[in-house]
Amino acid sequence: MPHALHSVTKSYAGTLAAALVHEGVLGDTKVLAHYLLWCTAGRSRTRRCAR
């Protein structure tokens, strides 16, 4: 059962992200770390962030 839940979660997250890109809330060329406050607040040395 957990595998089925992961598949639904990925579909929901992808649909939500596409809708937010369409509305202009998210940029389609920016990486996720751009939107995470703990990554952009200069604490990327203590937590790993994709840049």
PDB file of N, CA and C in Angstrom:
ATOM      1  N   MET A   1       0.805  -1.208   0.000  1.00  0.00           N
ATOM      2  CA  MET A   1       0.000   0.000   0.000  1.00  0.00           C
ATOM      3  C   MET A   1       0.850   1.276   0.000  1.00  0.00           C
ATOM      4  N   PRO A   2       1.985   1.358   0.712  1.00  0.00           N
ATOM      5  CA  PRO A   2       2.760   2.603   0.699  1.00  0.00           C
ATOM      6  C   PRO A   2       3.213   3.015  -0.700  1.00  0.00           C
ATOM      7  N   HIS A   3       3.526   2.038  -1.556  1.00  0.00           N
ATOM      8  CA  HIS A   3       3.962   2.380  -2.910  1.00  0.00           C
ATOM      9  C   HIS A   3       2.863   3.123  -3.665  1.00  0.00           C
ATOM     10  N   ALA A   4       1.629   2.678  -3.511  1.00  0.00           N
ATOM     11  CA  ALA A   4       0.506   3.333  -4.181  1.00  0.00           C
ATOM     12  C   ALA A   4       0.350   4.768  -3.698  1.00  0.00           C
ATOM     13  N   LEU A   5       0.573   4.991  -2.420  1.00  0.00           N
ATOM     14  CA  LEU A   5       0.469   6.352  -1.875  1.00  0.00           C
ATOM     15  C   LEU A   5       1.553   7.257  -2.440  1.00  0.00           C
ATOM     16  N   HIS A   6       2.768   6.728  -2.601  1.00  0.00           N
ATOM     17  CA  HIS A   6       3.846   7.531  -3.180  1.00  0.00           C
ATOM     18  C   HIS A   6       3.507   7.927  -4.614  1.00  0.00           C
ATOM     19  N   SER A   7       2.924   7.013  -5.357  1.00  0.00           N
ATOM     20  CA  SER A   7       2.578   7.310  -6.746  1.00  0.00           C
ATOM     21  C   SER A   7       1.523   8.410  -6.819  1.00  0.00           C
ATOM     22  N   VAL A   8       0.550   8.376  -5.936  1.00  0.00           N
ATOM     23  CA  VAL A   8      -0.484   9.412  -5.912  1.00  0.00           C
ATOM     24  C   VAL A   8       0.124  10.744  -5.504  1.00  0.00           C
ATOM     25  N   THR A   9       1.016  10.732  -4.532  1.00  0.00           N
ATOM     26  CA  THR A   9       1.648  11.963  -4.057  1.00  0.00           C
ATOM     27  C   THR A   9       2.456  12.630  -5.160  1.00  0.00           C
ATOM     28  N   LYS A  10       3.206  11.835  -5.938  1.00  0.00           N
ATOM     29  CA  LYS A  10       3.991  12.404  -7.037  1.00  0.00           C
ATOM     30  C   LYS A  10       3.095  13.032  -8.088  1.00  0.00           C
ATOM     31  N   SER A  11       1.999  12.381  -8.399  1.00  0.00           N
ATOM     32  CA  SER A  11       1.071  12.931  -9.390  1.00  0.00           C
ATOM     33  C   SER A  11       0.453  14.230  -8.900  1.00  0.00           C
ATOM     34  N   TYR A  12       0.061  14.261  -7.642  1.00  0.00           N
ATOM     35  CA  TYR A  12      -0.543  15.466  -7.065  1.00  0.00           C
ATOM     36  C   TYR A  12       0.475  16.607  -7.036  1.00  0.00           C
ATOM     37  N   ALA A  13       1.700  16.318  -6.599  1.00  0.00           N
ATOM     38  CA  ALA A  13       2.734  17.362  -6.524  1.00  0.00           C
ATOM     39  C   ALA A  13       3.058  17.905  -7.914  1.00  0.00           C
ATOM     40  N   GLY A  14       3.138  17.043  -8.898  1.00  0.00           N
ATOM     41  CA  GLY A  14       3.418  17.489 -10.259  1.00  0.00           C
ATOM     42  C   GLY A  14       2.308  18.343 -10.838  1.00  0.00           C
ATOM     43  N   THR A  15       1.067  17.959 -10.582  1.00  0.00           N
ATOM     44  CA  THR A  15      -0.077  18.734 -11.062  1.00  0.00           C
ATOM     45  C   THR A  15      -0.133  20.092 -10.377  1.00  0.00           C
ATOM     46  N   LEU A  16       0.100  20.110  -9.077  1.00  0.00           N
ATOM     47  CA  LEU A  16       0.112  21.371  -8.332  1.00  0.00           C
ATOM     48  C   LEU A  16       1.226  22.286  -8.824  1.00  0.00           C
ATOM     49  N   ALA A  17       2.417  21.732  -9.036  1.00  0.00           N
ATOM     50  CA  ALA A  17       3.537  22.538  -9.530  1.00  0.00           C
ATOM     51  C   ALA A  17       3.236  23.101 -10.919  1.00  0.00           C
ATOM     52  N   ALA A  18       2.642  22.295 -11.785  1.00  0.00           N
ATOM     53  CA  ALA A  18       2.299  22.776 -13.130  1.00  0.00           C
ATOM     54  C   ALA A  18       1.277  23.906 -13.062  1.00  0.00           C
ATOM     55  N   ALA A  19       0.306  23.787 -12.169  1.00  0.00           N
ATOM     56  CA  ALA A  19      -0.695  24.845 -12.018  1.00  0.00           C
ATOM     57  C   ALA A  19      -0.053  26.130 -11.494  1.00  0.00           C
ATOM     58  N   LEU A  20       0.884  26.001 -10.553  1.00  0.00           N
ATOM     59  CA  LEU A  20       1.559  27.180 -10.003  1.00  0.00           C
ATOM     60  C   LEU A  20       2.474  27.836 -11.036  1.00  0.00           C
ATOM     61  N   VAL A  21       3.088  27.060 -11.899  1.00  0.00           N
ATOM     62  CA  VAL A  21       3.889  27.626 -12.991  1.00  0.00           C
ATOM     63  C   VAL A  21       2.968  28.367 -13.956  1.00  0.00           C
ATOM     64  N   HIS A  22       1.836  27.780 -14.257  1.00  0.00           N
ATOM     65  CA  HIS A  22       0.873  28.410 -15.171  1.00  0.00           C
ATOM     66  C   HIS A  22       0.366  29.744 -14.613  1.00  0.00           C
ATOM     67  N   GLU A  23       0.185  29.816 -13.285  1.00  0.00           N
ATOM     68  CA  GLU A  23      -0.285  31.047 -12.643  1.00  0.00           C
ATOM     69  C   GLU A  23       0.832  32.065 -12.433  1.00  0.00           C
ATOM     70  N   GLY A  24       2.076  31.656 -12.661  1.00  0.00           N
ATOM     71  CA  GLY A  24       3.204  32.566 -12.493  1.00  0.00           C
ATOM     72  C   GLY A  24       3.761  32.614 -11.087  1.00  0.00           C
ATOM     73  N   VAL A  25       3.297  31.733 -10.224  1.00  0.00           N
ATOM     74  CA  VAL A  25       3.782  31.691  -8.841  1.00  0.00           C
ATOM     75  C   VAL A  25       5.164  31.037  -8.792  1.00  0.00           C
ATOM     76  N   LEU A  26       5.347  29.977  -9.547  1.00  0.00           N
ATOM     77  CA  LEU A  26       6.636  29.293  -9.646  1.00  0.00           C
ATOM     78  C   LEU A  26       7.230  29.548 -11.021  1.00  0.00           C
ATOM     79  N   GLY A  27       8.555  29.602 -11.063  1.00  0.00           N
ATOM     80  CA  GLY A  27       9.233  29.729 -12.348  1.00  0.00           C
ATOM     81  C   GLY A  27       9.619  28.363 -12.871  1.00  0.00           C
ATOM     82  N   ASP A  28       9.469  28.150 -14.151  1.00  0.00           N
ATOM     83  CA  ASP A  28       9.785  26.834 -14.710  1.00  0.00           C
ATOM     84  C   ASP A  28      11.273  26.624 -14.946  1.00  0.00           C
ATOM     85  N   THR A  29      12.094  27.646 -14.747  1.00  0.00           N
ATOM     86  CA  THR A  29      13.532  27.485 -14.931  1.00  0.00           C
ATOM     87  C   THR A  29      14.300  27.522 -13.611  1.00  0.00           C
ATOM     88  N   LYS A  30      13.631  27.741 -12.502  1.00  0.00           N
ATOM     89  CA  LYS A  30      14.299  27.811 -11.195  1.00  0.00           C
ATOM     90  C   LYS A  30      14.299  26.444 -10.526  1.00  0.00           C
ATOM     91  N   VAL A  31      15.363  26.171  -9.770  1.00  0.00           N
ATOM     92  CA  VAL A  31      15.429  24.921  -9.021  1.00  0.00           C
ATOM     93  C   VAL A  31      14.627  25.056  -7.736  1.00  0.00           C
ATOM     94  N   LEU A  32      14.231  23.947  -7.168  1.00  0.00           N
ATOM     95  CA  LEU A  32      13.408  23.944  -5.966  1.00  0.00           C
ATOM     96  C   LEU A  32      14.080  24.677  -4.808  1.00  0.00           C
ATOM     97  N   ALA A  33      15.391  24.589  -4.697  1.00  0.00           N
ATOM     98  CA  ALA A  33      16.110  25.247  -3.604  1.00  0.00           C
ATOM     99  C   ALA A  33      15.882  26.756  -3.598  1.00  0.00           C
ATOM    100  N   HIS A  34      15.563  27.338  -4.736  1.00  0.00           N
ATOM    101  CA  HIS A  34      15.285  28.770  -4.813  1.00  0.00           C
ATOM    102  C   HIS A  34      14.084  29.145  -3.944  1.00  0.00           C
ATOM    103  N   TYR A  35      13.136  28.232  -3.802  1.00  0.00           N
ATOM    104  CA  TYR A  35      11.906  28.505  -3.077  1.00  0.00           C
ATOM    105  C   TYR A  35      11.953  28.062  -1.616  1.00  0.00           C
ATOM    106  N   LEU A  36      12.980  27.336  -1.224  1.00  0.00           N
ATOM    107  CA  LEU A  36      13.092  26.866   0.159  1.00  0.00           C
ATOM    108  C   LEU A  36      13.851  27.891   0.995  1.00  0.00           C
ATOM    109  N   LEU A  37      13.198  28.421   2.007  1.00  0.00           N
ATOM    110  CA  LEU A  37      13.807  29.484   2.809  1.00  0.00           C
ATOM    111  C   LEU A  37      15.097  29.047   3.483  1.00  0.00           C
ATOM    112  N   TRP A  38      15.156  27.829   4.011  1.00  0.00           N
ATOM    113  CA  TRP A  38      16.364  27.422   4.710  1.00  0.00           C
ATOM    114  C   TRP A  38      17.530  27.228   3.752  1.00  0.00           C
ATOM    115  N   CYS A  39      17.264  27.051   2.488  1.00  0.00           N
ATOM    116  CA  CYS A  39      18.350  26.942   1.517  1.00  0.00           C
ATOM    117  C   CYS A  39      18.846  28.322   1.097  1.00  0.00           C
ATOM    118  N   THR A  40      17.962  29.275   1.004  1.00  0.00           N
ATOM    119  CA  THR A  40      18.344  30.585   0.500  1.00  0.00           C
ATOM    120  C   THR A  40      18.748  31.538   1.610  1.00  0.00           C
ATOM    121  N   ALA A  41      18.629  31.120   2.868  1.00  0.00           N
ATOM    122  CA  ALA A  41      18.957  31.996   3.990  1.00  0.00           C
ATOM    123  C   ALA A  41      20.420  31.880   4.402  1.00  0.00           C
ATOM    124  N   GLY A  42      21.254  31.259   3.584  1.00  0.00           N
ATOM    125  CA  GLY A  42      22.673  31.153   3.895  1.00  0.00           C
ATOM    126  C   GLY A  42      23.026  29.976   4.778  1.00  0.00           C
ATOM    127  N   ARG A  43      22.074  29.116   5.068  1.00  0.00           N
ATOM    128  CA  ARG A  43      22.349  27.962   5.900  1.00  0.00           C
ATOM    129  C   ARG A  43      22.633  26.723   5.067  1.00  0.00           C
ATOM    130  N   SER A  44      22.978  26.901   3.814  1.00  0.00           N
ATOM    131  CA  SER A  44      23.179  25.747   2.950  1.00  0.00           C
ATOM    132  C   SER A  44      24.411  24.944   3.334  1.00  0.00           C
ATOM    133  N   ARG A  45      25.284  25.492   4.190  1.00  0.00           N
ATOM    134  CA  ARG A  45      26.452  24.725   4.630  1.00  0.00           C
ATOM    135  C   ARG A  45      26.054  23.641   5.623  1.00  0.00           C
ATOM    136  N   THR A  46      25.009  23.887   6.414  1.00  0.00           N
ATOM    137  CA  THR A  46      24.596  22.900   7.396  1.00  0.00           C
ATOM    138  C   THR A  46      23.576  21.931   6.847  1.00  0.00           C
ATOM    139  N   ARG A  47      22.830  22.343   5.869  1.00  0.00           N
ATOM    140  CA  ARG A  47      21.854  21.466   5.210  1.00  0.00           C
ATOM    141  C   ARG A  47      22.172  21.442   3.733  1.00  0.00           C
ATOM    142  N   ARG A  48      22.059  20.290   3.150  1.00  0.00           N
ATOM    143  CA  ARG A  48      22.416  20.180   1.725  1.00  0.00           C
ATOM    144  C   ARG A  48      21.289  20.704   0.848  1.00  0.00           C
ATOM    145  N   CYS A  49      21.657  21.553  -0.057  1.00  0.00           N
ATOM    146  CA  CYS A  49      20.694  22.135  -0.998  1.00  0.00           C
ATOM    147  C   CYS A  49      21.236  21.985  -2.412  1.00  0.00           C
ATOM    148  N   ALA A  50      20.365  21.717  -3.325  1.00  0.00           N
ATOM    149  CA  ALA A  50      20.755  21.687  -4.731  1.00  0.00           C
ATOM    150  C   ALA A  50      20.823  23.123  -5.241  1.00  0.00           C
ATOM    151  N   ARG A  51      21.874  23.481  -5.842  1.00  0.00           N
ATOM    152  CA  ARG A  51      22.016  24.845  -6.376  1.00  0.00           C
ATOM    153  C   ARG A  51      22.239  24.790  -7.853  1.00  0.00           C
TER     154      ARG A  51
END
